[in-house]
Protein backbone atom coordinates (compact mmCIF):
# COMPACT_ATOMS: atom_id res chain seq x y z
CA MET A 1 172.46 64.40 156.65
CA ALA A 2 170.49 61.83 154.73
CA GLU A 3 168.15 64.34 153.45
CA ASP A 4 170.85 66.53 152.23
CA ARG A 5 172.05 63.90 149.98
CA ILE A 6 168.82 63.38 147.77
CA ALA A 7 169.32 64.65 144.25
CA PRO A 8 166.75 67.10 142.67
CA ILE A 9 164.21 65.62 140.38
CA ILE A 10 164.03 67.43 137.03
CA VAL A 11 160.74 66.50 134.40
CA LYS A 12 160.96 67.20 131.09
CA LYS A 13 158.12 67.87 128.86
CA ILE A 14 158.06 66.99 125.19
CA LYS A 15 155.38 68.48 123.14
CA LYS A 16 154.52 66.61 119.81
CA SER A 17 152.90 68.25 117.05
CA GLY A 18 150.05 67.15 115.33
CA GLY A 19 151.00 67.35 111.49
CA GLY A 20 149.35 70.65 111.00
CA HIS A 21 149.81 73.02 107.86
CA HIS A 22 153.01 74.18 106.34
CA GLY A 23 152.65 77.72 106.20
CA GLY A 24 151.56 80.18 103.12
CA ALA A 25 154.87 78.68 100.67
CA TRP A 26 152.31 76.89 98.45
CA LYS A 27 150.11 80.12 97.56
CA ILE A 28 153.48 81.75 96.23
CA ALA A 29 154.20 78.63 94.38
CA TYR A 30 150.86 78.12 92.75
CA ALA A 31 150.57 81.93 91.79
CA ASP A 32 153.82 81.73 90.07
CA PHE A 33 152.61 78.72 88.03
CA VAL A 34 149.18 80.40 86.98
CA THR A 35 150.97 83.67 85.64
CA ALA A 36 153.27 81.58 83.70
CA MET A 37 150.18 79.60 82.16
CA MET A 38 148.63 83.11 81.40
CA ALA A 39 151.72 84.22 79.92
CA PHE A 40 151.95 81.04 77.53
CA PHE A 41 148.46 81.14 76.46
CA LEU A 42 149.08 85.15 75.73
CA LEU A 43 151.86 84.05 73.72
CA MET A 44 149.98 81.72 72.00
CA TRP A 45 147.22 84.31 71.11
CA LEU A 46 149.66 86.89 69.79
CA LEU A 47 151.39 84.36 67.30
CA GLY A 48 148.17 83.38 65.98
CA SER A 49 146.66 87.00 65.29
CA THR A 50 149.94 88.88 64.35
CA SER A 51 151.21 89.23 60.53
CA LYS A 52 154.61 88.07 59.15
CA ALA A 53 155.76 91.54 59.33
CA GLN A 54 154.78 92.07 62.76
CA LYS A 55 156.50 88.44 64.02
CA GLU A 56 159.69 90.07 61.96
CA GLY A 57 159.29 93.37 64.00
CA ILE A 58 158.94 91.32 67.22
CA ALA A 59 161.86 89.44 66.78
CA GLU A 60 163.88 92.34 65.68
CA TYR A 61 163.36 94.19 68.62
CA PHE A 62 164.42 91.16 71.22
CA LYS A 63 167.36 90.58 68.90
CA THR A 64 168.54 94.52 68.43
CA PRO A 65 166.66 96.66 70.79
CA LEU A 66 168.92 99.33 70.46
CA LYS A 67 168.23 99.72 66.64
CA VAL A 68 164.75 99.77 67.31
CA ALA A 69 164.97 102.39 69.86
CA MET A 70 166.78 104.40 67.57
CA LEU A 71 164.50 104.11 64.84
CA GLY A 72 161.38 104.67 66.72
CA GLY A 73 157.92 104.43 65.33
CA PRO A 74 154.45 104.22 66.88
CA ALA A 75 153.43 100.74 66.76
CA VAL A 76 155.18 97.54 65.98
CA GLY A 77 156.51 96.81 62.41
CA VAL A 78 156.40 100.70 61.78
CA THR A 79 158.89 102.00 59.38
CA ASP A 80 159.06 105.73 60.66
CA SER A 81 162.60 106.56 61.36
CA LEU A 82 164.56 109.18 62.83
CA LEU A 83 167.27 108.63 60.28
CA LYS A 84 166.05 109.51 57.06
CA ASN A 85 167.58 109.88 53.47
CA THR A 86 170.92 108.08 54.65
CA GLY A 87 171.15 106.31 51.52
CA GLY A 88 171.43 102.60 51.06
CA LYS A 89 168.68 99.91 51.52
CA ASP A 90 165.88 100.56 53.59
CA ILE A 91 166.05 98.09 56.53
CA THR A 92 162.87 98.88 58.12
CA LYS A 93 160.66 97.97 54.94
CA LYS A 94 159.43 94.52 55.76
CA GLN A 95 157.19 92.67 53.16
CA GLY A 96 153.56 93.18 53.82
CA GLN A 97 154.01 96.93 54.92
CA VAL A 98 153.22 100.03 53.12
CA LYS A 99 155.36 102.91 53.97
CA PRO A 100 153.64 105.93 54.75
CA VAL A 101 154.02 108.76 52.24
CA GLU A 102 154.52 112.27 53.25
CA GLY A 103 152.54 115.19 52.57
CA PRO A 104 149.12 116.21 52.12
CA PRO A 105 146.78 113.68 50.80
CA GLY A 106 146.22 113.27 47.14
CA LYS A 107 142.84 114.39 45.75
CA GLU A 108 140.47 111.89 44.44
CA LYS A 109 140.54 112.02 40.55
CA LYS A 110 137.05 111.85 38.95
CA VAL A 111 136.91 110.23 35.34
CA THR A 112 134.81 111.74 33.03
CA ILE A 113 133.28 110.63 29.51
CA GLU A 114 136.18 112.54 27.52
CA ASP A 115 139.12 110.69 29.87
CA ALA A 116 137.54 107.49 28.90
CA LYS A 117 137.52 108.48 25.39
CA GLU A 118 140.73 109.55 25.23
CA ALA A 119 142.09 106.17 26.73
CA LEU A 120 140.21 103.97 24.69
CA LYS A 121 141.78 106.17 21.61
CA LYS A 122 145.35 105.46 23.07
CA ALA A 123 144.51 101.81 23.45
CA GLU A 124 143.28 101.74 19.77
CA GLN A 125 146.37 103.72 18.48
CA ALA A 126 148.55 100.94 20.54
CA LYS A 127 146.43 98.70 19.02
CA LEU A 128 147.13 99.63 15.15
CA GLU A 129 150.55 100.43 16.06
CA ASP A 130 150.94 96.36 16.73
CA LEU A 131 149.12 95.23 13.69
CA LYS A 132 151.51 97.86 11.53
CA GLN A 133 154.73 95.83 12.94
CA LYS A 134 152.80 92.35 12.57
CA ILE A 135 151.69 93.44 8.58
CA GLU A 136 155.81 94.54 8.34
CA GLN A 137 156.83 91.59 9.80
CA THR A 138 154.67 89.25 7.55
CA ILE A 139 155.85 91.42 4.40
CA ASP A 140 159.34 90.33 5.38
CA GLN A 141 158.87 86.56 5.86
CA SER A 142 156.51 86.12 2.72
CA GLU A 143 158.20 84.93 -0.18
CA THR A 144 155.44 86.73 -2.46
CA LEU A 145 155.36 90.05 -0.63
CA LYS A 146 159.13 90.46 0.11
CA LYS A 147 159.81 90.91 -3.74
CA PHE A 148 157.21 93.83 -3.98
CA LYS A 149 158.10 95.47 -0.59
CA SER A 150 159.56 98.76 -2.12
CA GLN A 151 155.98 99.27 -3.30
CA LEU A 152 154.08 98.80 0.01
CA MET A 153 153.85 101.64 2.22
CA LEU A 154 152.71 101.56 5.65
CA ASP A 155 151.65 104.38 7.86
CA ILE A 156 149.56 105.61 10.53
CA THR A 157 146.82 108.19 9.95
CA PRO A 158 144.12 110.09 11.81
CA GLU A 159 141.51 107.77 10.20
CA GLY A 160 143.67 104.51 11.14
CA LEU A 161 146.52 101.96 9.57
CA ARG A 162 147.06 103.01 6.12
CA ILE A 163 148.67 100.17 3.63
CA GLN A 164 149.62 101.79 -0.01
CA ILE A 165 150.20 99.60 -3.03
CA LEU A 166 152.39 101.88 -5.49
CA ASP A 167 153.16 101.80 -8.91
CA GLU A 168 156.80 101.77 -10.06
CA GLN A 169 158.12 103.30 -13.74
CA ASN A 170 158.71 99.75 -14.76
CA ARG A 171 156.32 97.64 -12.78
CA PRO A 172 152.96 99.25 -13.10
CA MET A 173 149.80 97.82 -11.22
CA PHE A 174 147.43 98.25 -13.97
CA GLU A 175 147.27 98.01 -17.80
CA SER A 176 147.64 101.64 -19.08
CA SER A 177 144.17 103.95 -19.03
CA LYS A 178 142.54 100.34 -17.60
CA ALA A 179 141.15 98.72 -14.58
CA GLU A 180 142.88 95.29 -15.16
CA LEU A 181 145.06 94.16 -12.35
CA GLN A 182 148.48 92.61 -13.28
CA PRO A 183 149.04 89.28 -12.42
CA TYR A 184 151.58 90.18 -9.43
CA ALA A 185 149.37 92.85 -8.36
CA ARG A 186 146.46 90.30 -7.77
CA GLU A 187 149.09 88.29 -5.44
CA ILE A 188 149.65 91.34 -3.25
CA LEU A 189 146.08 91.89 -3.04
CA HIS A 190 145.14 88.39 -1.88
CA GLU A 191 147.96 88.13 0.59
CA ILE A 192 146.91 91.52 2.19
CA GLY A 193 143.24 90.02 2.00
CA LYS A 194 144.32 87.17 4.13
CA MET A 195 145.99 89.57 7.00
CA LEU A 196 143.27 91.69 7.08
CA ASN A 197 140.70 89.23 7.54
CA GLY A 198 141.62 88.58 11.01
CA VAL A 199 141.06 92.25 12.08
CA GLN A 200 138.19 93.10 13.58
CA ASN A 201 137.94 96.97 12.18
CA LYS A 202 136.59 97.94 9.12
CA ILE A 203 137.98 98.78 5.92
CA SER A 204 138.16 101.88 3.74
CA LEU A 205 139.49 100.95 -0.18
CA SER A 206 140.43 104.13 -2.51
CA GLY A 207 141.98 104.40 -5.93
CA HIS A 208 144.17 107.02 -7.40
CA THR A 209 145.56 108.32 -10.36
CA ASP A 210 148.29 110.46 -11.51
CA ALA A 211 147.41 113.93 -13.17
CA SER A 212 147.79 112.75 -16.93
CA PRO A 213 144.35 113.37 -18.12
CA TYR A 214 142.38 111.98 -20.85
CA PRO A 215 142.00 113.07 -24.40
CA ASN A 216 138.67 114.24 -23.92
CA GLY A 217 139.25 115.90 -20.90
CA GLU A 218 136.83 115.30 -17.84
CA LYS A 219 133.68 115.68 -19.97
CA GLY A 220 133.99 111.73 -20.75
CA TYR A 221 135.39 108.97 -19.37
CA SER A 222 138.05 110.30 -16.90
CA ASN A 223 140.40 109.88 -14.28
CA TRP A 224 137.41 109.77 -11.64
CA GLU A 225 135.86 106.97 -13.40
CA LEU A 226 139.10 105.22 -13.84
CA SER A 227 140.32 105.39 -10.31
CA ALA A 228 136.89 104.23 -8.89
CA ASP A 229 137.03 100.98 -11.43
CA ARG A 230 140.64 100.14 -10.36
CA ALA A 231 139.43 100.46 -6.39
CA ASN A 232 136.36 98.12 -7.45
CA SER A 233 138.68 96.10 -9.31
CA SER A 234 140.95 95.54 -5.94
CA ARG A 235 137.99 95.33 -4.05
CA ARG A 236 137.49 91.75 -5.95
CA GLU A 237 140.66 90.67 -5.57
CA LEU A 238 140.85 91.10 -1.82
CA ILE A 239 137.84 89.01 -1.41
CA ALA A 240 138.99 86.43 -3.60
CA GLY A 241 141.90 86.30 -1.46
CA GLY A 242 139.90 85.39 1.60
CA MET A 243 138.92 88.62 3.09
CA ASP A 244 135.16 88.57 4.48
CA GLU A 245 133.15 91.18 2.02
CA SER A 246 131.48 92.79 5.15
CA LYS A 247 134.39 94.38 6.40
CA LEU A 248 134.48 96.57 3.44
CA LEU A 249 132.86 99.78 4.46
CA ARG A 250 133.84 102.37 1.71
CA VAL A 251 135.00 102.17 -1.25
CA VAL A 252 136.23 105.53 -3.75
CA GLY A 253 137.68 106.75 -6.46
CA LEU A 254 139.90 109.62 -6.07
CA ALA A 255 141.36 110.50 -9.21
CA SER A 256 144.51 112.99 -8.63
CA ALA A 257 142.75 114.82 -5.86
CA GLN A 258 145.26 113.42 -3.00
CA LEU A 259 148.76 113.07 -4.57
CA TYR A 260 151.34 110.68 -3.30
CA ASP A 261 153.95 113.01 -4.66
CA LYS A 262 152.62 116.35 -4.63
CA ASP A 263 155.74 118.11 -6.46
CA ASN A 264 155.34 115.56 -9.32
CA PRO A 265 151.71 114.94 -10.15
CA TYR A 266 152.83 112.81 -13.12
CA ASN A 267 155.20 110.47 -11.19
CA PRO A 268 154.08 106.79 -11.29
CA THR A 269 153.66 106.45 -7.34
CA ASN A 270 150.72 108.55 -7.45
CA ARG A 271 149.03 105.64 -9.15
CA ARG A 272 148.30 104.01 -6.01
CA ILE A 273 145.73 101.69 -4.34
CA SER A 274 145.06 103.04 -0.75
CA LEU A 275 143.67 100.47 2.29
CA VAL A 276 142.96 101.94 5.42
CA VAL A 277 142.18 99.84 8.60
CA MET A 278 139.82 102.39 10.10
CA ASN A 279 139.70 103.45 13.73
CA LYS A 280 136.56 103.75 15.70
CA GLN A 281 136.01 107.42 15.26
CA ALA A 282 136.70 107.09 11.51
CA GLU A 283 134.37 104.19 11.31
CA GLU A 284 131.55 106.34 13.04
CA GLU A 285 131.95 109.28 11.03
CA ALA A 286 131.68 106.91 7.75
CA LEU A 287 128.64 105.34 9.23
CA LYS A 288 127.23 108.48 10.17
CA ASP A 289 127.39 109.85 6.48
CA ALA A 290 125.90 106.76 5.13
CA GLU A 291 123.00 107.34 7.16
CA THR A 292 122.44 111.21 6.30
CA GLU A 293 122.78 110.54 2.42
CA LYS A 294 120.34 107.33 2.96
CA ALA A 295 117.97 110.15 4.57
CA GLU A 296 118.41 112.61 2.25
CA LEU A 297 117.54 110.15 -0.89
CA THR A 298 114.41 108.94 0.86
CA ALA A 299 113.20 112.27 2.22
CA PRO A 300 109.88 113.30 0.63
CA ASP A 301 111.15 116.15 -1.67
CA ALA A 302 113.71 113.75 -3.22
CA ILE A 303 110.87 110.92 -4.09
CA GLY A 304 110.06 111.54 -8.04
CA ALA A 305 112.51 114.49 -8.55
CA VAL A 306 114.18 114.25 -11.59
CA PRO A 307 117.90 115.14 -11.53
CA VAL A 308 119.26 118.02 -14.01
CA ALA A 309 122.48 117.35 -15.67
CA PRO A 310 124.53 120.85 -15.61
CA ALA A 311 125.20 122.71 -18.97
CA SER A 312 128.74 122.44 -18.46
CA VAL A 313 131.14 120.52 -16.12
CA THR A 314 133.39 123.15 -14.12
CA ALA A 315 134.88 121.03 -11.70
CA PRO A 316 134.94 117.21 -11.16
CA PRO A 317 133.08 115.74 -8.13
CA ALA A 318 134.94 115.03 -4.78
CA ALA A 319 135.05 111.40 -5.08
CA ALA A 320 132.99 108.51 -6.89
CA VAL A 321 131.71 106.35 -4.80
CA VAL A 322 131.26 102.80 -6.03
CA ARG A 323 128.41 101.06 -4.67
């Protein structure tokens, strides 16, 4: 009976771990960290290598992705739109971008010598127009020239800017049939000489008369000699006014060959002095004519030749050149 009363013995064994590893959870955390760092450095590289317009395009994408999806485009910042000609401001245009032009590529234009000459001609024409306006302003502001504004005519000719000083019925520039300038005409030429001295172009000067003939006709002292003498007197006054003598390229007397008033050859306005601020083409032609004349005078056949005077003068020469 005593043996039946003995309780069974239960033995419990507790296993103690030695502090091993915690599994693979740390590897996942480390991979997330490396991925985040890679994304951060990639972002820094993109910010440093993109333009302002591209940055604005990226920012616009994240702000309104639906609008970018509607507008389309093969790359960031491209301004190709599916909605064209809708009016209003082009919201796709950003600073630093160039909007593509539709259509076939243009042909490369070659600049020829003729094109370059034409461009220079237009530039010179614009320069003479500007000079004309400046002279007109100077005349309006000058107390000396303002009084004689009605006798000063400015216009653009194929040779350049022409300034004409005209006679008036009650205010002639010269003594009758003489080359002596009136005091007021001297003042005008002095002022014009100062203005033209600042111009790089060469100057052409010509004297003109009306069609009133001398009593002896063209056989003696005539309007040809008178117009040449008056042109030379004007040349001296221009230089006295301060103009450089080297600026004058040509001084001629044209008598009544080029009338100001063709309908009335005896009109006092035909008696005038004409100054031309020559353009490049007119200047080159004048120099070429001078070289041709010089070559003819120095030719072997011309040396020692005695000029023979004509028996009678049938027509006046084209121009009497004052040397």
